[in-house]
PDB file of N, CA and C in Angstrom:
ATOM      1  N   MET A   1       0.852  -1.176   0.000  1.00  0.00           N
ATOM      2  CA  MET A   1       0.000   0.000   0.000  1.00  0.00           C
ATOM      3  C   MET A   1       0.893   1.231   0.000  1.00  0.00           C
ATOM      4  N   SER A   2       0.633   2.146  -0.902  1.00  0.00           N
ATOM      5  CA  SER A   2       1.381   3.407  -0.864  1.00  0.00           C
ATOM      6  C   SER A   2       0.833   4.238   0.277  1.00  0.00           C
ATOM      7  N   TRP A   3       1.679   5.025   0.886  1.00  0.00           N
ATOM      8  CA  TRP A   3       1.285   5.816   2.055  1.00  0.00           C
ATOM      9  C   TRP A   3       0.837   7.193   1.594  1.00  0.00           C
ATOM     10  N   PRO A   4      -0.453   7.485   1.698  1.00  0.00           N
ATOM     11  CA  PRO A   4      -0.932   8.818   1.307  1.00  0.00           C
ATOM     12  C   PRO A   4      -0.308   9.892   2.195  1.00  0.00           C
ATOM     13  N   SER A   5       0.198  10.924   1.601  1.00  0.00           N
ATOM     14  CA  SER A   5       0.976  11.922   2.353  1.00  0.00           C
ATOM     15  C   SER A   5       0.176  12.685   3.390  1.00  0.00           C
ATOM     16  N   GLN A   6      -1.086  12.881   3.189  1.00  0.00           N
ATOM     17  CA  GLN A   6      -1.879  13.697   4.105  1.00  0.00           C
ATOM     18  C   GLN A   6      -2.934  12.886   4.859  1.00  0.00           C
ATOM     19  N   LEU A   7      -2.776  11.591   4.940  1.00  0.00           N
ATOM     20  CA  LEU A   7      -3.806  10.745   5.532  1.00  0.00           C
ATOM     21  C   LEU A   7      -3.583  10.574   7.027  1.00  0.00           C
ATOM     22  N   LEU A   8      -4.303  11.366   7.810  1.00  0.00           N
ATOM     23  CA  LEU A   8      -4.153  11.338   9.259  1.00  0.00           C
ATOM     24  C   LEU A   8      -4.794  10.111   9.881  1.00  0.00           C
ATOM     25  N   ASP A   9      -5.667   9.432   9.158  1.00  0.00           N
ATOM     26  CA  ASP A   9      -6.360   8.272   9.698  1.00  0.00           C
ATOM     27  C   ASP A   9      -5.404   7.159  10.105  1.00  0.00           C
ATOM     28  N   LEU A  10      -4.209   7.143   9.548  1.00  0.00           N
ATOM     29  CA  LEU A  10      -3.250   6.089   9.863  1.00  0.00           C
ATOM     30  C   LEU A  10      -2.283   6.479  10.971  1.00  0.00           C
ATOM     31  N   ASN A  11      -2.540   7.569  11.635  1.00  0.00           N
ATOM     32  CA  ASN A  11      -1.725   7.979  12.771  1.00  0.00           C
ATOM     33  C   ASN A  11      -2.618   7.975  14.004  1.00  0.00           C
ATOM     34  N   PRO A  12      -2.542   6.926  14.839  1.00  0.00           N
ATOM     35  CA  PRO A  12      -3.455   6.840  15.984  1.00  0.00           C
ATOM     36  C   PRO A  12      -3.286   7.983  16.979  1.00  0.00           C
ATOM     37  N   LEU A  13      -2.114   8.571  17.062  1.00  0.00           N
ATOM     38  CA  LEU A  13      -1.914   9.663  18.010  1.00  0.00           C
ATOM     39  C   LEU A  13      -2.541  10.970  17.549  1.00  0.00           C
ATOM     40  N   GLU A  14      -2.858  11.067  16.273  1.00  0.00           N
ATOM     41  CA  GLU A  14      -3.469  12.291  15.758  1.00  0.00           C
ATOM     42  C   GLU A  14      -4.766  12.611  16.503  1.00  0.00           C
ATOM     43  N   ASN A  15      -5.449  11.569  16.961  1.00  0.00           N
ATOM     44  CA  ASN A  15      -6.695  11.760  17.712  1.00  0.00           C
ATOM     45  C   ASN A  15      -6.457  12.308  19.115  1.00  0.00           C
ATOM     46  N   ARG A  16      -5.247  12.256  19.600  1.00  0.00           N
ATOM     47  CA  ARG A  16      -4.950  12.686  20.962  1.00  0.00           C
ATOM     48  C   ARG A  16      -4.479  14.125  21.051  1.00  0.00           C
ATOM     49  N   TRP A  17      -4.058  14.735  19.964  1.00  0.00           N
ATOM     50  CA  TRP A  17      -3.529  16.099  20.034  1.00  0.00           C
ATOM     51  C   TRP A  17      -4.533  17.103  20.586  1.00  0.00           C
ATOM     52  N   PRO A  18      -5.811  17.060  20.179  1.00  0.00           N
ATOM     53  CA  PRO A  18      -6.747  18.040  20.759  1.00  0.00           C
ATOM     54  C   PRO A  18      -6.857  17.924  22.288  1.00  0.00           C
ATOM     55  N   GLY A  19      -6.891  16.701  22.800  1.00  0.00           N
ATOM     56  CA  GLY A  19      -6.967  16.509  24.252  1.00  0.00           C
ATOM     57  C   GLY A  19      -5.715  17.004  24.957  1.00  0.00           C
ATOM     58  N   LEU A  20      -4.565  16.742  24.358  1.00  0.00           N
ATOM     59  CA  LEU A  20      -3.303  17.198  24.933  1.00  0.00           C
ATOM     60  C   LEU A  20      -3.252  18.726  24.940  1.00  0.00           C
ATOM     61  N   LYS A  21      -3.663  19.319  23.839  1.00  0.00           N
ATOM     62  CA  LYS A  21      -3.685  20.789  23.750  1.00  0.00           C
ATOM     63  C   LYS A  21      -4.637  21.372  24.798  1.00  0.00           C
ATOM     64  N   HIS A  22      -5.784  20.732  24.977  1.00  0.00           N
ATOM     65  CA  HIS A  22      -6.755  21.209  25.962  1.00  0.00           C
ATOM     66  C   HIS A  22      -6.173  21.146  27.377  1.00  0.00           C
ATOM     67  N   ARG A  23      -5.539  20.026  27.720  1.00  0.00           N
ATOM     68  CA  ARG A  23      -4.945  19.888  29.058  1.00  0.00           C
ATOM     69  C   ARG A  23      -3.865  20.944  29.298  1.00  0.00           C
ATOM     70  N   PHE A  24      -3.017  21.160  28.284  1.00  0.00           N
ATOM     71  CA  PHE A  24      -1.959  22.152  28.406  1.00  0.00           C
ATOM     72  C   PHE A  24      -2.563  23.544  28.607  1.00  0.00           C
ATOM     73  N   HIS A  25      -3.541  23.896  27.776  1.00  0.00           N
ATOM     74  CA  HIS A  25      -4.142  25.228  27.859  1.00  0.00           C
ATOM     75  C   HIS A  25      -4.839  25.435  29.202  1.00  0.00           C
ATOM     76  N   LYS A  26      -5.524  24.404  29.681  1.00  0.00           N
ATOM     77  CA  LYS A  26      -6.199  24.505  30.977  1.00  0.00           C
ATOM     78  C   LYS A  26      -5.186  24.788  32.079  1.00  0.00           C
ATOM     79  N   ARG A  27      -4.084  24.060  32.080  1.00  0.00           N
ATOM     80  CA  ARG A  27      -3.030  24.263  33.088  1.00  0.00           C
ATOM     81  C   ARG A  27      -2.407  25.652  32.938  1.00  0.00           C
ATOM     82  N   PHE A  28      -2.187  26.065  31.696  1.00  0.00           N
ATOM     83  CA  PHE A  28      -1.625  27.388  31.391  1.00  0.00           C
ATOM     84  C   PHE A  28      -2.504  28.476  31.999  1.00  0.00           C
ATOM     85  N   MET A  29      -3.819  28.339  31.804  1.00  0.00           N
ATOM     86  CA  MET A  29      -4.753  29.340  32.324  1.00  0.00           C
ATOM     87  C   MET A  29      -4.843  29.278  33.854  1.00  0.00           C
ATOM     88  N   GLU A  30      -4.810  28.079  34.432  1.00  0.00           N
ATOM     89  CA  GLU A  30      -4.869  27.931  35.889  1.00  0.00           C
ATOM     90  C   GLU A  30      -3.695  28.640  36.561  1.00  0.00           C
ATOM     91  N   LEU A  31      -2.548  28.586  35.914  1.00  0.00           N
ATOM     92  CA  LEU A  31      -1.347  29.206  36.474  1.00  0.00           C
ATOM     93  C   LEU A  31      -1.241  30.688  36.113  1.00  0.00           C
ATOM     94  N   ALA A  32      -2.213  31.182  35.364  1.00  0.00           N
ATOM     95  CA  ALA A  32      -2.237  32.588  34.930  1.00  0.00           C
ATOM     96  C   ALA A  32      -0.924  32.975  34.257  1.00  0.00           C
ATOM     97  N   LEU A  33      -0.459  32.118  33.377  1.00  0.00           N
ATOM     98  CA  LEU A  33       0.785  32.390  32.661  1.00  0.00           C
ATOM     99  C   LEU A  33       0.508  33.265  31.446  1.00  0.00           C
ATOM    100  N   CYS A  34       1.547  33.871  30.951  1.00  0.00           N
ATOM    101  CA  CYS A  34       1.440  34.597  29.695  1.00  0.00           C
ATOM    102  C   CYS A  34       2.543  34.073  28.774  1.00  0.00           C
ATOM    103  N   ARG A  35       2.289  34.171  27.483  1.00  0.00           N
ATOM    104  CA  ARG A  35       3.251  33.648  26.512  1.00  0.00           C
ATOM    105  C   ARG A  35       4.601  34.323  26.675  1.00  0.00           C
ATOM    106  N   SER A  36       5.633  33.512  26.575  1.00  0.00           N
ATOM    107  CA  SER A  36       6.988  34.039  26.698  1.00  0.00           C
ATOM    108  C   SER A  36       7.945  33.133  25.940  1.00  0.00           C
ATOM    109  N   THR A  37       9.051  33.710  25.512  1.00  0.00           N
ATOM    110  CA  THR A  37      10.065  32.922  24.825  1.00  0.00           C
ATOM    111  C   THR A  37      11.343  32.806  25.649  1.00  0.00           C
ATOM    112  N   ASN A  38      11.311  33.259  26.905  1.00  0.00           N
ATOM    113  CA  ASN A  38      12.544  33.137  27.686  1.00  0.00           C
ATOM    114  C   ASN A  38      12.751  31.673  28.082  1.00  0.00           C
ATOM    115  N   VAL A  39      13.967  31.314  28.369  1.00  0.00           N
ATOM    116  CA  VAL A  39      14.346  29.922  28.615  1.00  0.00           C
ATOM    117  C   VAL A  39      13.571  29.317  29.778  1.00  0.00           C
ATOM    118  N   ALA A  40      13.405  30.040  30.851  1.00  0.00           N
ATOM    119  CA  ALA A  40      12.684  29.514  32.018  1.00  0.00           C
ATOM    120  C   ALA A  40      11.234  29.196  31.672  1.00  0.00           C
ATOM    121  N   ALA A  41      10.601  30.082  30.903  1.00  0.00           N
ATOM    122  CA  ALA A  41       9.206  29.857  30.511  1.00  0.00           C
ATOM    123  C   ALA A  41       9.096  28.639  29.603  1.00  0.00           C
ATOM    124  N   ILE A  42      10.001  28.522  28.655  1.00  0.00           N
ATOM    125  CA  ILE A  42       9.970  27.381  27.734  1.00  0.00           C
ATOM    126  C   ILE A  42      10.171  26.077  28.497  1.00  0.00           C
ATOM    127  N   GLU A  43      11.071  26.065  29.471  1.00  0.00           N
ATOM    128  CA  GLU A  43      11.268  24.868  30.290  1.00  0.00           C
ATOM    129  C   GLU A  43      10.000  24.537  31.073  1.00  0.00           C
ATOM    130  N   LYS A  44       9.333  25.563  31.580  1.00  0.00           N
ATOM    131  CA  LYS A  44       8.076  25.357  32.309  1.00  0.00           C
ATOM    132  C   LYS A  44       7.021  24.777  31.373  1.00  0.00           C
ATOM    133  N   TYR A  45       6.904  25.317  30.150  1.00  0.00           N
ATOM    134  CA  TYR A  45       5.941  24.817  29.174  1.00  0.00           C
ATOM    135  C   TYR A  45       6.230  23.355  28.833  1.00  0.00           C
ATOM    136  N   CYS A  46       7.494  23.031  28.671  1.00  0.00           N
ATOM    137  CA  CYS A  46       7.869  21.640  28.368  1.00  0.00           C
ATOM    138  C   CYS A  46       7.429  20.708  29.497  1.00  0.00           C
ATOM    139  N   GLY A  47       7.625  21.131  30.718  1.00  0.00           N
ATOM    140  CA  GLY A  47       7.185  20.345  31.863  1.00  0.00           C
ATOM    141  C   GLY A  47       5.671  20.181  31.885  1.00  0.00           C
ATOM    142  N   MET A  48       4.959  21.241  31.526  1.00  0.00           N
ATOM    143  CA  MET A  48       3.501  21.177  31.497  1.00  0.00           C
ATOM    144  C   MET A  48       3.010  20.225  30.404  1.00  0.00           C
ATOM    145  N   ILE A  49       3.677  20.234  29.262  1.00  0.00           N
ATOM    146  CA  ILE A  49       3.318  19.316  28.180  1.00  0.00           C
ATOM    147  C   ILE A  49       3.574  17.881  28.621  1.00  0.00           C
ATOM    148  N   HIS A  50       4.694  17.657  29.290  1.00  0.00           N
ATOM    149  CA  HIS A  50       5.006  16.316  29.790  1.00  0.00           C
ATOM    150  C   HIS A  50       3.940  15.854  30.780  1.00  0.00           C
ATOM    151  N   GLU A  51       3.531  16.727  31.680  1.00  0.00           N
ATOM    152  CA  GLU A  51       2.476  16.382  32.642  1.00  0.00           C
ATOM    153  C   GLU A  51       1.179  16.048  31.917  1.00  0.00           C
ATOM    154  N   ALA A  52       0.812  16.856  30.934  1.00  0.00           N
ATOM    155  CA  ALA A  52      -0.427  16.614  30.187  1.00  0.00           C
ATOM    156  C   ALA A  52      -0.366  15.268  29.468  1.00  0.00           C
ATOM    157  N   TRP A  53       0.797  14.949  28.904  1.00  0.00           N
ATOM    158  CA  TRP A  53       0.952  13.676  28.189  1.00  0.00           C
ATOM    159  C   TRP A  53       0.815  12.495  29.149  1.00  0.00           C
ATOM    160  N   THR A  54       1.395  12.599  30.346  1.00  0.00           N
ATOM    161  CA  THR A  54       1.324  11.482  31.290  1.00  0.00           C
ATOM    162  C   THR A  54      -0.083  11.283  31.837  1.00  0.00           C
ATOM    163  N   GLU A  55      -0.948  12.284  31.713  1.00  0.00           N
ATOM    164  CA  GLU A  55      -2.329  12.170  32.161  1.00  0.00           C
ATOM    165  C   GLU A  55      -3.224  11.473  31.135  1.00  0.00           C
ATOM    166  N   VAL A  56      -2.705  11.227  29.924  1.00  0.00           N
ATOM    167  CA  VAL A  56      -3.500  10.577  28.881  1.00  0.00           C
ATOM    168  C   VAL A  56      -3.829   9.157  29.336  1.00  0.00           C
ATOM    169  N   ASP A  57      -5.093   8.794  29.195  1.00  0.00           N
ATOM    170  CA  ASP A  57      -5.563   7.473  29.593  1.00  0.00           C
ATOM    171  C   ASP A  57      -4.884   6.393  28.742  1.00  0.00           C
ATOM    172  N   GLN A  58      -4.147   5.515  29.390  1.00  0.00           N
ATOM    173  CA  GLN A  58      -3.424   4.463  28.675  1.00  0.00           C
ATOM    174  C   GLN A  58      -4.374   3.487  27.972  1.00  0.00           C
ATOM    175  N   LYS A  59      -5.553   3.275  28.524  1.00  0.00           N
ATOM    176  CA  LYS A  59      -6.528   2.401  27.864  1.00  0.00           C
ATOM    177  C   LYS A  59      -6.979   3.012  26.542  1.00  0.00           C
ATOM    178  N   LEU A  60      -7.119   4.322  26.520  1.00  0.00           N
ATOM    179  CA  LEU A  60      -7.497   4.994  25.283  1.00  0.00           C
ATOM    180  C   LEU A  60      -6.393   4.828  24.236  1.00  0.00           C
ATOM    181  N   LEU A  61      -5.151   5.020  24.642  1.00  0.00           N
ATOM    182  CA  LEU A  61      -4.037   4.838  23.705  1.00  0.00           C
ATOM    183  C   LEU A  61      -3.986   3.405  23.190  1.00  0.00           C
ATOM    184  N   GLN A  62      -4.195   2.447  24.076  1.00  0.00           N
ATOM    185  CA  GLN A  62      -4.191   1.038  23.664  1.00  0.00           C
ATOM    186  C   GLN A  62      -5.305   0.778  22.658  1.00  0.00           C
ATOM    187  N   GLY A  63      -6.475   1.371  22.900  1.00  0.00           N
ATOM    188  CA  GLY A  63      -7.579   1.219  21.960  1.00  0.00           C
ATOM    189  C   GLY A  63      -7.262   1.804  20.594  1.00  0.00           C
ATOM    190  N   LEU A  64      -6.583   2.950  20.580  1.00  0.00           N
ATOM    191  CA  LEU A  64      -6.187   3.555  19.305  1.00  0.00           C
ATOM    192  C   LEU A  64      -5.212   2.655  18.552  1.00  0.00           C
ATOM    193  N   ILE A  65      -4.273   2.074  19.272  1.00  0.00           N
ATOM    194  CA  ILE A  65      -3.299   1.172  18.648  1.00  0.00           C
ATOM    195  C   ILE A  65      -4.004  -0.070  18.109  1.00  0.00           C
ATOM    196  N   GLU A  66      -4.903  -0.617  18.904  1.00  0.00           N
ATOM    197  CA  GLU A  66      -5.609  -1.835  18.484  1.00  0.00           C
ATOM    198  C   GLU A  66      -6.543  -1.581  17.305  1.00  0.00           C
ATOM    199  N   SER A  67      -6.931  -0.344  17.073  1.00  0.00           N
ATOM    200  CA  SER A  67      -7.819  -0.026  15.952  1.00  0.00           C
ATOM    201  C   SER A  67      -7.072   0.075  14.622  1.00  0.00           C
ATOM    202  N   MET A  68      -5.760  -0.055  14.641  1.00  0.00           N
ATOM    203  CA  MET A  68      -4.979   0.152  13.415  1.00  0.00           C
ATOM    204  C   MET A  68      -5.338  -0.830  12.304  1.00  0.00           C
ATOM    205  N   THR A  69      -5.576  -2.083  12.635  1.00  0.00           N
ATOM    206  CA  THR A  69      -5.937  -3.054  11.594  1.00  0.00           C
ATOM    207  C   THR A  69      -7.208  -2.602  10.882  1.00  0.00           C
ATOM    208  N   GLU A  70      -8.211  -2.205  11.662  1.00  0.00           N
ATOM    209  CA  GLU A  70      -9.469  -1.727  11.066  1.00  0.00           C
ATOM    210  C   GLU A  70      -9.244  -0.471  10.235  1.00  0.00           C
ATOM    211  N   ARG A  71      -8.378   0.415  10.700  1.00  0.00           N
ATOM    212  CA  ARG A  71      -8.093   1.645   9.963  1.00  0.00           C
ATOM    213  C   ARG A  71      -7.463   1.351   8.613  1.00  0.00           C
ATOM    214  N   VAL A  72      -6.475   0.451   8.611  1.00  0.00           N
ATOM    215  CA  VAL A  72      -5.780   0.122   7.363  1.00  0.00           C
ATOM    216  C   VAL A  72      -6.754  -0.510   6.378  1.00  0.00           C
ATOM    217  N   VAL A  73      -7.584  -1.434   6.850  1.00  0.00           N
ATOM    218  CA  VAL A  73      -8.581  -2.068   5.983  1.00  0.00           C
ATOM    219  C   VAL A  73      -9.532  -1.013   5.417  1.00  0.00           C
ATOM    220  N   ALA A  74      -9.980  -0.087   6.260  1.00  0.00           N
ATOM    221  CA  ALA A  74     -10.898   0.968   5.807  1.00  0.00           C
ATOM    222  C   ALA A  74     -10.239   1.889   4.781  1.00  0.00           C
ATOM    223  N   VAL A  75      -8.970   2.222   4.988  1.00  0.00           N
ATOM    224  CA  VAL A  75      -8.254   3.094   4.043  1.00  0.00           C
ATOM    225  C   VAL A  75      -8.086   2.399   2.696  1.00  0.00           C
ATOM    226  N   ILE A  76      -7.750   1.113   2.736  1.00  0.00           N
ATOM    227  CA  ILE A  76      -7.609   0.368   1.476  1.00  0.00           C
ATOM    228  C   ILE A  76      -8.947   0.328   0.749  1.00  0.00           C
ATOM    229  N   ALA A  77     -10.027   0.064   1.486  1.00  0.00           N
ATOM    230  CA  ALA A  77     -11.356   0.009   0.878  1.00  0.00           C
ATOM    231  C   ALA A  77     -11.773   1.368   0.316  1.00  0.00           C
ATOM    232  N   ALA A  78     -11.333   2.449   0.954  1.00  0.00           N
ATOM    233  CA  ALA A  78     -11.680   3.802   0.507  1.00  0.00           C
ATOM    234  C   ALA A  78     -10.751   4.307  -0.579  1.00  0.00           C
ATOM    235  N   LYS A  79      -9.831   3.466  -1.004  1.00  0.00           N
ATOM    236  CA  LYS A  79      -8.864   3.822  -2.058  1.00  0.00           C
ATOM    237  C   LYS A  79      -8.106   5.101  -1.708  1.00  0.00           C
ATOM    238  N   ASP A  80      -7.580   5.145  -0.500  1.00  0.00           N
ATOM    239  CA  ASP A  80      -6.734   6.231  -0.001  1.00  0.00           C
ATOM    240  C   ASP A  80      -7.475   7.544   0.261  1.00  0.00           C
ATOM    241  N   ARG A  81      -8.800   7.512   0.252  1.00  0.00           N
ATOM    242  CA  ARG A  81      -9.550   8.720   0.611  1.00  0.00           C
ATOM    243  C   ARG A  81      -9.767   8.716   2.127  1.00  0.00           C
ATOM    244  N   LEU A  82     -10.227   9.844   2.642  1.00  0.00           N
ATOM    245  CA  LEU A  82     -10.476   9.942   4.081  1.00  0.00           C
ATOM    246  C   LEU A  82     -11.526   8.930   4.520  1.00  0.00           C
ATOM    247  N   ILE A  83     -11.344   8.416   5.718  1.00  0.00           N
ATOM    248  CA  ILE A  83     -12.310   7.498   6.289  1.00  0.00           C
ATOM    249  C   ILE A  83     -12.906   8.126   7.533  1.00  0.00           C
ATOM    250  N   ASP A  84     -13.880   7.484   8.125  1.00  0.00           N
ATOM    251  CA  ASP A  84     -14.606   8.042   9.261  1.00  0.00           C
ATOM    252  C   ASP A  84     -13.947   7.640  10.576  1.00  0.00           C
ATOM    253  N   TYR A  85     -12.747   8.152  10.862  1.00  0.00           N
ATOM    254  CA  TYR A  85     -12.065   7.908  12.138  1.00  0.00           C
ATOM    255  C   TYR A  85     -11.692   9.204  12.761  1.00  0.00           C
TER     256      TYR A  85
END
């Protein structure tokens, strides 16, 4: 199977980015932070992203991984067009 360049359906983590972004933003707002590019702020943001990632439900990630066979079959059947995932 050729790999379609823009087909997000074959990346199980693509479904997790909105949740990760939401967790990060919520924490950002709770701490009343403001955007900054200084080294200390960037290190703090990196730590916050790491915390948000570790809060991701492992069962959900496992389910996304286990859905890959179904995703590949659906993509092949759709002839490389978007599928409903």
